[in-house]
């Protein structure tokens, strides 16, 4: 059986009534988290550009732009809304540690713009939307867990799995059978892939980082629209000659599916407490705790040493990111966010990242006093960190964090998730509207038409 046929049958086998309540509850929380991130990014210039292009180049009005009442084409909505979900780098993530310095992972919520757009277009129920979203999360987990070393060590973007997710989500919501969903995956995956330069060491980041996943997700959705009418694609797109495994993984032997786990993959996804790359979370928690506990100010600090996983050192200690000039680079710079965290006493929020902060001489000078070292003990606990602060009066202060808030081992509460939504969207939405959105997501199974959620997201003019 082709890999994509097995994935398709698995995706079609997901039924709301069979899913444990704790799993559906967590999926609803990921809806809330993604919408918070999207509305928090509403005013960001790259996101405004994506919405402008969506409105100018739209066809039939299929799906709503998050934060507006405007409806645009299916493809335009997926790309523009995907940019908003991704921009703050505040959305969820998977970690599958491989060899030291190598990681399999990605952002499963980057598939949710396809769920939002298709469920609205098809007037699907809230239960159908939950089923489709879980299918996306599970397929990403199953695929990434199967990679021997991950995609990024091979030079490809982690979002290169998104066509498979888009095809599965669209296949479910369009009513495709397993054979047509298999073709949809083949069409989408054979026609799109992401280059690692959008998330690469040695390169300054740019706006493309925000749309890489949604472009590839949309190709899977478009593949499903074609497959629904009988269009065919390579069924052996994963294992076939010059297919996904051959080109992206260097051989089918590097794609080894794990036994079906006892729990859902989505229960391994991490929410972020800070709007930064996910493996930065631990050292930010530790630094903030030390600063508050000892009432430290930038001028009190002689040096900061971050002991981290090899992957975090390589990825977030990249010298090319040390002095960021934009949000895309700043949230991946361990130097900058450590200095910013000291100045803000550990309270990093989306509005902390400003052009003024990138040029702030205090932050710049403190960044120069931050250094990173590899701690092998964190190679399997990628969010873990040991922070050592040496003060100018001779004190040596240390704090170790392995599972910062948001990890599956230390989940954010529903109240904290609400606080995060307000932190992201409170400048644009009144608290009463935020609470209505959260309540609708938490009772999404009661919605007969998913469009009832999308109509609640408009921000004030």
Protein backbone atom coordinates (compact mmCIF):
# COMPACT_ATOMS: atom_id res chain seq x y z
CA UNK A 1 0.00 0.00 0.00
CA UNK A 2 1.45 3.42 -0.90
CA UNK A 3 2.37 5.58 2.07
CA UNK A 4 -0.14 8.23 0.98
CA UNK A 5 -2.95 5.66 0.72
CA UNK A 6 -2.24 4.56 4.28
CA UNK A 7 -2.21 8.19 5.46
CA UNK A 8 -5.45 8.87 3.58
CA UNK A 9 -7.26 5.91 5.10
CA UNK A 10 -6.01 6.93 8.51
CA UNK A 11 -7.24 10.52 8.02
CA UNK A 12 -10.67 9.35 6.88
CA UNK A 13 -10.95 7.04 9.89
CA UNK A 14 -10.96 9.88 12.42
CA UNK A 15 -14.41 10.26 13.97
CA UNK A 16 -15.40 12.89 16.49
CA UNK A 17 -17.34 10.48 18.68
CA UNK A 18 -14.29 8.21 19.00
CA UNK A 19 -11.90 10.95 20.10
CA UNK A 20 -11.29 11.29 23.86
CA UNK A 21 -12.71 14.47 25.36
CA UNK A 22 -9.28 15.62 26.58
CA UNK A 23 -8.00 15.43 22.98
CA UNK A 24 -10.87 17.43 21.49
CA UNK A 25 -10.43 19.94 24.32
CA UNK A 26 -6.77 20.38 23.40
CA UNK A 27 -7.64 20.76 19.70
CA UNK A 28 -10.09 23.53 20.58
CA UNK A 29 -7.32 25.23 22.55
CA UNK A 30 -5.08 25.10 19.48
CA UNK A 31 -7.88 26.83 17.53
CA UNK A 32 -7.90 29.58 20.18
CA UNK A 33 -4.11 29.82 20.19
CA UNK A 34 -3.88 30.14 16.40
CA UNK A 35 -6.60 32.80 16.25
CA UNK A 36 -4.90 34.77 19.02
CA UNK A 37 -1.66 34.73 17.02
CA UNK A 38 -3.45 35.74 13.83
CA UNK A 39 -5.30 38.70 15.29
CA UNK A 40 -2.17 39.75 17.17
CA UNK A 41 -0.43 40.01 13.80
CA UNK A 42 -3.27 41.86 12.08
CA UNK A 43 -1.42 45.19 11.89
CA UNK A 44 1.98 43.78 10.86
CA UNK A 45 3.03 45.13 7.48
CA UNK A 46 3.70 41.71 5.85
CA UNK A 47 0.22 40.57 6.92
CA UNK A 48 -1.43 43.71 5.56
CA UNK A 49 0.35 43.15 2.25
CA UNK A 50 -0.96 39.57 2.08
CA UNK A 51 -4.53 40.72 2.76
CA UNK A 52 -4.27 43.50 0.18
CA UNK A 53 -3.09 41.04 -2.47
CA UNK A 54 -5.84 38.61 -1.45
CA UNK A 55 -8.53 41.24 -1.95
CA UNK A 56 -7.09 42.48 -5.24
CA UNK A 57 -6.69 39.03 -6.80
CA UNK A 58 -9.66 37.19 -5.41
CA UNK A 59 -12.27 35.26 -7.32
CA UNK A 60 -15.41 33.92 -5.73
CA UNK A 61 -15.92 34.91 -2.08
CA UNK A 62 -15.30 31.58 -0.35
CA UNK A 63 -13.68 32.36 2.98
CA UNK A 64 -13.20 35.23 5.42
CA UNK A 65 -9.93 37.04 6.01
CA UNK A 66 -9.25 36.82 9.75
CA UNK A 67 -9.90 40.18 11.35
CA UNK A 68 -12.13 41.38 8.50
CA UNK A 69 -15.58 40.73 7.10
CA UNK A 70 -14.13 40.48 3.59
CA UNK A 71 -14.46 37.14 1.83
CA UNK A 72 -11.90 36.11 -0.75
CA UNK A 73 -11.07 33.01 -2.75
CA UNK A 74 -10.15 29.81 -0.96
CA UNK A 75 -6.48 29.98 -1.96
CA UNK A 76 -6.16 33.65 -1.08
CA UNK A 77 -7.68 33.12 2.36
CA UNK A 78 -5.36 30.21 3.17
CA UNK A 79 -2.25 32.20 2.26
CA UNK A 80 -3.22 35.50 3.90
CA UNK A 81 -4.59 33.91 7.07
CA UNK A 82 -1.58 31.61 7.19
CA UNK A 83 0.74 34.62 7.20
CA UNK A 84 -1.10 36.03 10.21
CA UNK A 85 -1.04 32.77 12.17
CA UNK A 86 2.70 32.48 11.55
CA UNK A 87 4.00 36.05 11.76
CA UNK A 88 4.49 36.41 15.53
CA UNK A 89 6.22 33.02 15.80
CA UNK A 90 3.87 32.49 18.73
CA UNK A 91 1.97 29.47 17.40
CA UNK A 92 2.42 25.87 18.47
CA UNK A 93 5.14 23.44 17.48
CA UNK A 94 6.27 19.82 17.39
CA UNK A 95 9.72 18.62 18.48
CA UNK A 96 11.07 15.20 17.51
CA UNK A 97 14.74 15.11 18.56
CA UNK A 98 16.94 13.16 16.17
CA UNK A 99 20.76 13.12 16.35
CA UNK A 100 22.37 15.93 18.39
CA UNK A 101 21.88 19.18 16.51
CA UNK A 102 19.13 17.72 14.34
CA UNK A 103 15.42 18.01 14.86
CA UNK A 104 12.24 16.91 13.17
CA UNK A 105 9.47 19.34 13.76
CA UNK A 106 7.18 22.02 12.47
CA UNK A 107 4.14 24.07 13.35
CA UNK A 108 0.99 21.95 13.10
CA UNK A 109 -1.28 24.99 13.53
CA UNK A 110 0.02 26.25 10.20
CA UNK A 111 -2.51 23.79 8.73
CA UNK A 112 -5.45 25.47 10.47
CA UNK A 113 -5.98 28.22 7.85
CA UNK A 114 -7.04 25.39 5.49
CA UNK A 115 -9.49 24.12 8.10
CA UNK A 116 -10.91 27.60 8.69
CA UNK A 117 -11.28 28.42 4.99
CA UNK A 118 -12.65 25.06 3.80
CA UNK A 119 -15.00 24.54 6.73
CA UNK A 120 -16.48 27.97 6.07
CA UNK A 121 -16.70 27.43 2.30
CA UNK A 122 -18.36 24.04 2.72
CA UNK A 123 -20.66 25.18 5.55
CA UNK A 124 -19.20 22.30 7.54
CA UNK A 125 -20.13 21.64 11.15
CA UNK A 126 -17.86 22.36 14.07
CA UNK A 127 -17.41 18.63 14.58
CA UNK A 128 -16.29 18.20 10.98
CA UNK A 129 -13.78 21.02 11.43
CA UNK A 130 -12.37 19.36 14.56
CA UNK A 131 -12.03 16.04 12.72
CA UNK A 132 -10.22 17.69 9.81
CA UNK A 133 -7.88 19.62 12.12
CA UNK A 134 -6.97 16.50 14.07
CA UNK A 135 -6.28 14.71 10.79
CA UNK A 136 -3.82 17.47 9.89
CA UNK A 137 -2.07 17.39 13.26
CA UNK A 138 -1.83 13.59 13.27
CA UNK A 139 -0.47 13.32 9.73
CA UNK A 140 2.23 15.89 10.48
CA UNK A 141 3.17 14.03 13.63
CA UNK A 142 3.28 10.63 11.93
CA UNK A 143 5.37 11.90 9.02
CA UNK A 144 7.87 13.99 10.97
CA UNK A 145 8.33 11.26 13.57
CA UNK A 146 9.21 8.88 10.72
CA UNK A 147 12.05 11.04 9.36
CA UNK A 148 15.51 9.78 10.29
CA UNK A 149 17.01 13.25 10.64
CA UNK A 150 14.26 15.72 9.81
CA UNK A 151 13.94 17.93 6.75
CA UNK A 152 16.03 20.91 7.80
CA UNK A 153 19.36 19.04 8.01
CA UNK A 154 18.75 18.06 4.36
CA UNK A 155 18.27 21.70 3.35
CA UNK A 156 14.48 21.72 3.08
CA UNK A 157 11.90 23.74 4.97
CA UNK A 158 9.96 21.91 7.67
CA UNK A 159 6.73 23.04 5.97
CA UNK A 160 7.42 20.69 3.06
CA UNK A 161 4.99 18.23 4.69
CA UNK A 162 2.16 20.77 4.42
CA UNK A 163 0.82 19.54 1.02
CA UNK A 164 0.00 16.22 2.69
CA UNK A 165 -1.88 18.00 5.48
CA UNK A 166 -3.70 20.30 3.07
CA UNK A 167 -4.83 17.34 0.96
CA UNK A 168 -6.05 15.42 4.01
CA UNK A 169 -7.95 18.39 5.45
CA UNK A 170 -9.52 19.28 2.11
CA UNK A 171 -10.22 15.64 1.33
CA UNK A 172 -12.22 15.25 4.50
CA UNK A 173 -14.17 18.49 4.11
CA UNK A 174 -14.82 17.93 0.39
CA UNK A 175 -15.95 14.34 0.92
CA UNK A 176 -13.16 12.61 -1.01
CA UNK A 177 -12.61 8.89 -0.67
CA UNK A 178 -9.21 7.39 0.13
CA UNK A 179 -8.27 6.89 -3.53
CA UNK A 180 -8.92 10.53 -4.44
CA UNK A 181 -7.23 11.81 -1.28
CA UNK A 182 -4.18 9.75 -2.22
CA UNK A 183 -4.10 11.46 -5.61
CA UNK A 184 -4.55 14.85 -3.93
CA UNK A 185 -1.47 14.22 -1.80
CA UNK A 186 0.47 13.20 -4.88
CA UNK A 187 -0.58 16.28 -6.82
CA UNK A 188 0.23 18.71 -4.01
CA UNK A 189 3.45 17.11 -2.77
CA UNK A 190 4.95 16.61 -6.23
CA UNK A 191 4.29 20.23 -7.14
CA UNK A 192 5.66 22.08 -4.12
CA UNK A 193 8.48 21.98 -1.63
CA UNK A 194 10.17 24.52 0.60
CA UNK A 195 13.81 25.50 0.56
CA UNK A 196 15.50 25.70 3.93
CA UNK A 197 16.80 29.21 3.26
CA UNK A 198 13.58 30.55 4.81
CA UNK A 199 14.78 29.17 8.16
CA UNK A 200 18.53 28.80 7.72
CA UNK A 201 21.62 29.54 9.76
CA UNK A 202 23.82 32.23 8.24
CA UNK A 203 20.89 34.04 6.64
CA UNK A 204 18.91 37.05 7.79
CA UNK A 205 15.23 36.21 7.88
CA UNK A 206 12.63 38.03 5.79
CA UNK A 207 8.90 38.13 5.07
CA UNK A 208 8.94 34.82 3.16
CA UNK A 209 9.19 33.00 6.49
CA UNK A 210 5.57 33.96 7.15
CA UNK A 211 4.06 32.40 4.02
CA UNK A 212 6.28 29.37 3.39
CA UNK A 213 3.94 26.94 5.14
CA UNK A 214 0.70 28.38 3.79
CA UNK A 215 1.92 28.32 0.17
CA UNK A 216 2.65 24.60 0.48
CA UNK A 217 -0.55 23.95 2.43
CA UNK A 218 -2.57 25.60 -0.33
CA UNK A 219 -1.01 23.30 -2.95
CA UNK A 220 -2.37 20.29 -1.09
CA UNK A 221 -5.82 21.88 -0.93
CA UNK A 222 -5.71 22.71 -4.64
CA UNK A 223 -4.65 19.13 -5.32
CA UNK A 224 -7.78 17.97 -3.53
CA UNK A 225 -9.98 20.24 -5.65
CA UNK A 226 -8.45 18.67 -8.76
CA UNK A 227 -8.64 15.13 -7.43
CA UNK A 228 -12.32 15.61 -6.60
CA UNK A 229 -12.93 15.89 -10.37
CA UNK A 230 -10.85 12.87 -11.28
CA UNK A 231 -7.42 14.45 -11.73
CA UNK A 232 -4.60 12.04 -10.84
CA UNK A 233 -1.23 12.39 -9.17
CA UNK A 234 1.65 10.07 -8.23
CA UNK A 235 0.31 7.65 -5.64
CA UNK A 236 3.86 6.68 -4.64
CA UNK A 237 4.89 10.29 -4.12
CA UNK A 238 6.67 9.43 -0.85
CA UNK A 239 8.47 6.18 -1.63
CA UNK A 240 8.61 6.24 -5.45
CA UNK A 241 11.66 6.91 -7.58
CA UNK A 242 12.61 10.61 -7.28
CA UNK A 243 9.75 11.11 -4.86
CA UNK A 244 9.63 12.83 -1.47
CA UNK A 245 11.88 10.37 0.39
CA UNK A 246 14.40 10.13 -2.47
CA UNK A 247 14.74 13.89 -2.92
CA UNK A 248 14.18 15.35 0.55
CA UNK A 249 15.36 12.53 2.83
CA UNK A 250 18.08 10.98 0.64
CA UNK A 251 16.34 7.62 0.46
CA UNK A 252 13.27 5.67 1.56
CA UNK A 253 15.34 4.07 4.32
CA UNK A 254 15.19 7.48 6.01
CA UNK A 255 11.39 7.32 6.17
CA UNK A 256 10.53 4.71 8.78
CA UNK A 257 7.01 5.06 10.22
CA UNK A 258 6.75 4.40 13.93
CA UNK A 259 4.09 2.12 15.38
CA UNK A 260 0.82 3.95 15.93
CA UNK A 261 1.30 5.64 19.34
CA UNK A 262 -1.00 5.03 22.29
CA UNK A 263 -1.92 8.71 22.37
CA UNK A 264 -2.63 11.32 19.73
CA UNK A 265 0.32 13.18 18.28
CA UNK A 266 -1.44 16.50 18.87
CA UNK A 267 -1.03 15.92 22.60
CA UNK A 268 2.74 16.33 22.03
CA UNK A 269 2.36 19.79 20.46
CA UNK A 270 3.74 22.70 22.47
CA UNK A 271 2.12 26.06 22.98
CA UNK A 272 4.45 29.01 23.34
CA UNK A 273 4.55 31.29 26.34
CA UNK A 274 6.83 33.77 24.56
CA UNK A 275 6.60 34.98 20.93
CA UNK A 276 9.92 33.44 19.91
CA UNK A 277 11.31 30.28 18.33
CA UNK A 278 10.19 27.35 20.46
CA UNK A 279 13.56 26.10 21.73
CA UNK A 280 14.25 29.56 23.18
CA UNK A 281 11.42 29.17 25.68
CA UNK A 282 13.43 27.51 28.47
CA UNK A 283 16.28 29.97 28.67
CA UNK A 284 13.85 32.90 28.56
CA UNK A 285 11.95 31.48 31.53
CA UNK A 286 15.21 30.94 33.44
CA UNK A 287 16.60 34.39 32.63
CA UNK A 288 13.37 36.13 33.60
CA UNK A 289 13.21 34.22 36.88
CA UNK A 290 16.77 35.21 37.82
CA UNK A 291 16.22 38.86 36.91
CA UNK A 292 13.07 39.10 39.01
CA UNK A 293 14.39 37.06 41.95
CA UNK A 294 17.58 39.13 42.27
CA UNK A 295 16.17 42.42 41.00
CA UNK A 296 18.79 42.65 38.27
CA UNK A 297 19.17 45.53 35.86
CA UNK A 298 21.22 45.51 32.65
CA UNK A 299 24.00 47.50 34.28
CA UNK A 300 24.30 44.86 37.04
CA UNK A 301 25.19 42.06 34.64
CA UNK A 302 28.73 41.14 33.65
CA UNK A 303 27.78 38.16 31.46
CA UNK A 304 25.02 35.69 30.63
CA UNK A 305 25.85 32.12 29.66
CA UNK A 306 23.12 30.03 28.03
CA UNK A 307 23.70 26.26 28.13
CA UNK A 308 21.43 24.74 25.48
CA UNK A 309 20.88 21.86 23.10
CA UNK A 310 23.21 21.66 20.13
CA UNK A 311 20.35 22.48 17.80
CA UNK A 312 19.41 25.60 19.78
CA UNK A 313 23.01 26.79 19.85
CA UNK A 314 23.34 26.33 16.10
CA UNK A 315 19.96 27.75 15.18
CA UNK A 316 19.41 30.58 17.65
CA UNK A 317 23.06 31.37 18.35
CA UNK A 318 23.67 32.02 14.69
CA UNK A 319 25.93 35.12 14.42
CA UNK A 320 23.92 36.32 11.43
CA UNK A 321 20.97 36.86 13.79
CA UNK A 322 22.87 38.58 16.61
CA UNK A 323 21.80 42.11 15.69
CA UNK A 324 18.32 41.72 14.17
CA UNK A 325 16.65 44.30 11.97
CA UNK A 326 13.17 42.74 11.82
CA UNK A 327 10.78 40.56 13.83
CA UNK A 328 11.44 37.48 11.71
CA UNK A 329 15.13 37.52 12.68
CA UNK A 330 14.71 38.89 16.21
CA UNK A 331 12.56 36.06 17.51
CA UNK A 332 15.27 33.57 16.48
CA UNK A 333 18.19 35.46 18.06
CA UNK A 334 19.10 34.06 21.49
CA UNK A 335 21.38 37.07 22.02
CA UNK A 336 18.75 39.69 21.33
CA UNK A 337 15.83 38.07 23.15
CA UNK A 338 17.98 37.39 26.22
CA UNK A 339 18.95 41.06 26.40
CA UNK A 340 15.38 42.13 25.70
CA UNK A 341 14.16 39.74 28.40
CA UNK A 342 16.51 41.30 30.95
CA UNK A 343 15.34 44.82 30.09
CA UNK A 344 11.68 43.76 30.28
CA UNK A 345 12.20 41.62 33.40
CA UNK A 346 11.13 38.48 31.59
CA UNK A 347 7.90 39.87 30.16
CA UNK A 348 8.25 39.44 26.41
CA UNK A 349 5.03 40.04 24.51
CA UNK A 350 4.31 40.60 20.80
CA UNK A 351 4.58 44.39 21.09
CA UNK A 352 8.07 44.06 22.64
CA UNK A 353 9.56 43.61 19.17
CA UNK A 354 9.91 47.08 17.68
CA UNK A 355 12.38 48.84 15.38
CA UNK A 356 13.42 50.90 18.40
CA UNK A 357 14.34 47.76 20.33
CA UNK A 358 16.59 46.55 17.52
CA UNK A 359 18.60 49.77 17.71
CA UNK A 360 18.46 50.22 21.50
CA UNK A 361 22.07 50.74 22.70
CA UNK A 362 21.35 49.09 26.07
CA UNK A 363 19.99 45.96 24.40
CA UNK A 364 22.78 45.97 21.81
CA UNK A 365 25.50 46.25 24.47
CA UNK A 366 23.91 43.57 26.67
CA UNK A 367 23.60 41.25 23.66
CA UNK A 368 27.39 41.37 23.39
CA UNK A 369 27.62 39.94 26.92
CA UNK A 370 25.50 36.88 26.07
CA UNK A 371 27.23 33.66 25.09
CA UNK A 372 25.99 30.16 24.29
CA UNK A 373 27.43 26.72 24.94
CA UNK A 374 26.29 23.23 24.03
CA UNK A 375 24.82 21.19 26.87
CA UNK A 376 24.42 17.55 25.67
CA UNK A 377 21.96 16.96 28.52
CA UNK A 378 19.45 19.11 26.62
CA UNK A 379 19.73 17.39 23.22
CA UNK A 380 16.64 15.28 23.99
CA UNK A 381 14.88 18.07 25.92
CA UNK A 382 15.09 20.80 23.34
CA UNK A 383 13.29 23.49 25.33
CA UNK A 384 15.57 22.96 28.32
CA UNK A 385 18.32 25.32 29.40
CA UNK A 386 20.72 26.27 32.16
CA UNK A 387 21.29 30.01 32.52
CA UNK A 388 24.25 31.40 34.45
CA UNK A 389 24.39 35.13 35.14
CA UNK A 390 27.60 36.63 36.50
CA UNK A 391 27.01 40.01 38.12
CA UNK A 392 29.49 42.87 38.26
CA UNK A 393 29.65 42.55 42.05
CA UNK A 394 30.88 38.95 41.73
CA UNK A 395 27.74 36.87 42.25
CA UNK A 396 27.16 33.74 40.16
CA UNK A 397 23.43 33.08 39.69
CA UNK A 398 22.06 29.94 38.03
CA UNK A 399 18.66 28.64 36.97
CA UNK A 400 17.77 25.41 35.12
CA UNK A 401 14.48 24.92 33.27
CA UNK A 402 13.61 21.77 31.34
CA UNK A 403 9.89 22.03 30.61
CA UNK A 404 8.81 25.67 30.41
CA UNK A 405 5.18 26.63 30.52
CA UNK A 406 3.38 25.49 27.38
CA UNK A 407 5.17 22.13 27.07
CA UNK A 408 2.97 19.02 27.23
CA UNK A 409 4.64 18.29 30.58
CA UNK A 410 3.68 21.77 31.84
CA UNK A 411 0.60 22.87 29.91
CA UNK A 412 -0.76 26.37 29.93
CA UNK A 413 -4.10 26.57 31.70
CA UNK A 414 -7.25 27.74 29.95
CA UNK A 415 -6.97 30.97 31.95
CA UNK A 416 -3.38 31.49 30.75
CA UNK A 417 -4.48 30.86 27.18
CA UNK A 418 -7.12 33.55 27.58
CA UNK A 419 -4.44 35.90 28.92
CA UNK A 420 -2.34 35.12 25.84
CA UNK A 421 -5.29 35.98 23.57
CA UNK A 422 -5.75 39.30 25.35
CA UNK A 423 -1.98 39.92 25.17
CA UNK A 424 -2.08 39.35 21.41
CA UNK A 425 -5.41 40.88 20.44
CA UNK A 426 -6.38 43.21 23.27
CA UNK A 427 -5.40 46.31 21.29
CA UNK A 428 -7.82 45.34 18.54
CA UNK A 429 -10.66 43.44 20.22
CA UNK A 430 -12.59 44.25 23.40
CA UNK A 431 -12.38 41.62 26.13
CA UNK A 432 -16.05 40.77 25.66
CA UNK A 433 -15.44 39.85 22.01
CA UNK A 434 -12.38 37.78 22.91
CA UNK A 435 -14.42 35.87 25.47
CA UNK A 436 -17.14 35.17 22.88
CA UNK A 437 -14.54 33.81 20.46
CA UNK A 438 -13.05 31.59 23.14
CA UNK A 439 -16.48 30.33 24.19
CA UNK A 440 -17.41 29.56 20.57
CA UNK A 441 -14.17 27.60 20.10
CA UNK A 442 -14.70 25.69 23.34
CA UNK A 443 -18.19 24.68 22.21
CA UNK A 444 -17.36 24.37 18.52
CA UNK A 445 -19.02 20.95 18.34
CA UNK A 446 -22.37 22.73 18.73
CA UNK A 447 -21.88 24.83 15.57
CA UNK A 448 -23.93 23.62 12.63
CA UNK A 449 -22.02 25.97 10.30
CA UNK A 450 -18.38 26.81 10.96
CA UNK A 451 -18.89 30.22 9.41
CA UNK A 452 -20.47 31.21 12.72
CA UNK A 453 -16.97 31.38 14.21
CA UNK A 454 -15.35 33.25 11.33
CA UNK A 455 -18.00 35.96 11.53
CA UNK A 456 -16.93 36.80 15.10
CA UNK A 457 -13.31 37.69 14.30
CA UNK A 458 -13.61 41.16 12.76
CA UNK A 459 -11.51 43.84 14.46
CA UNK A 460 -12.57 47.42 14.95
CA UNK A 461 -11.94 49.71 12.00
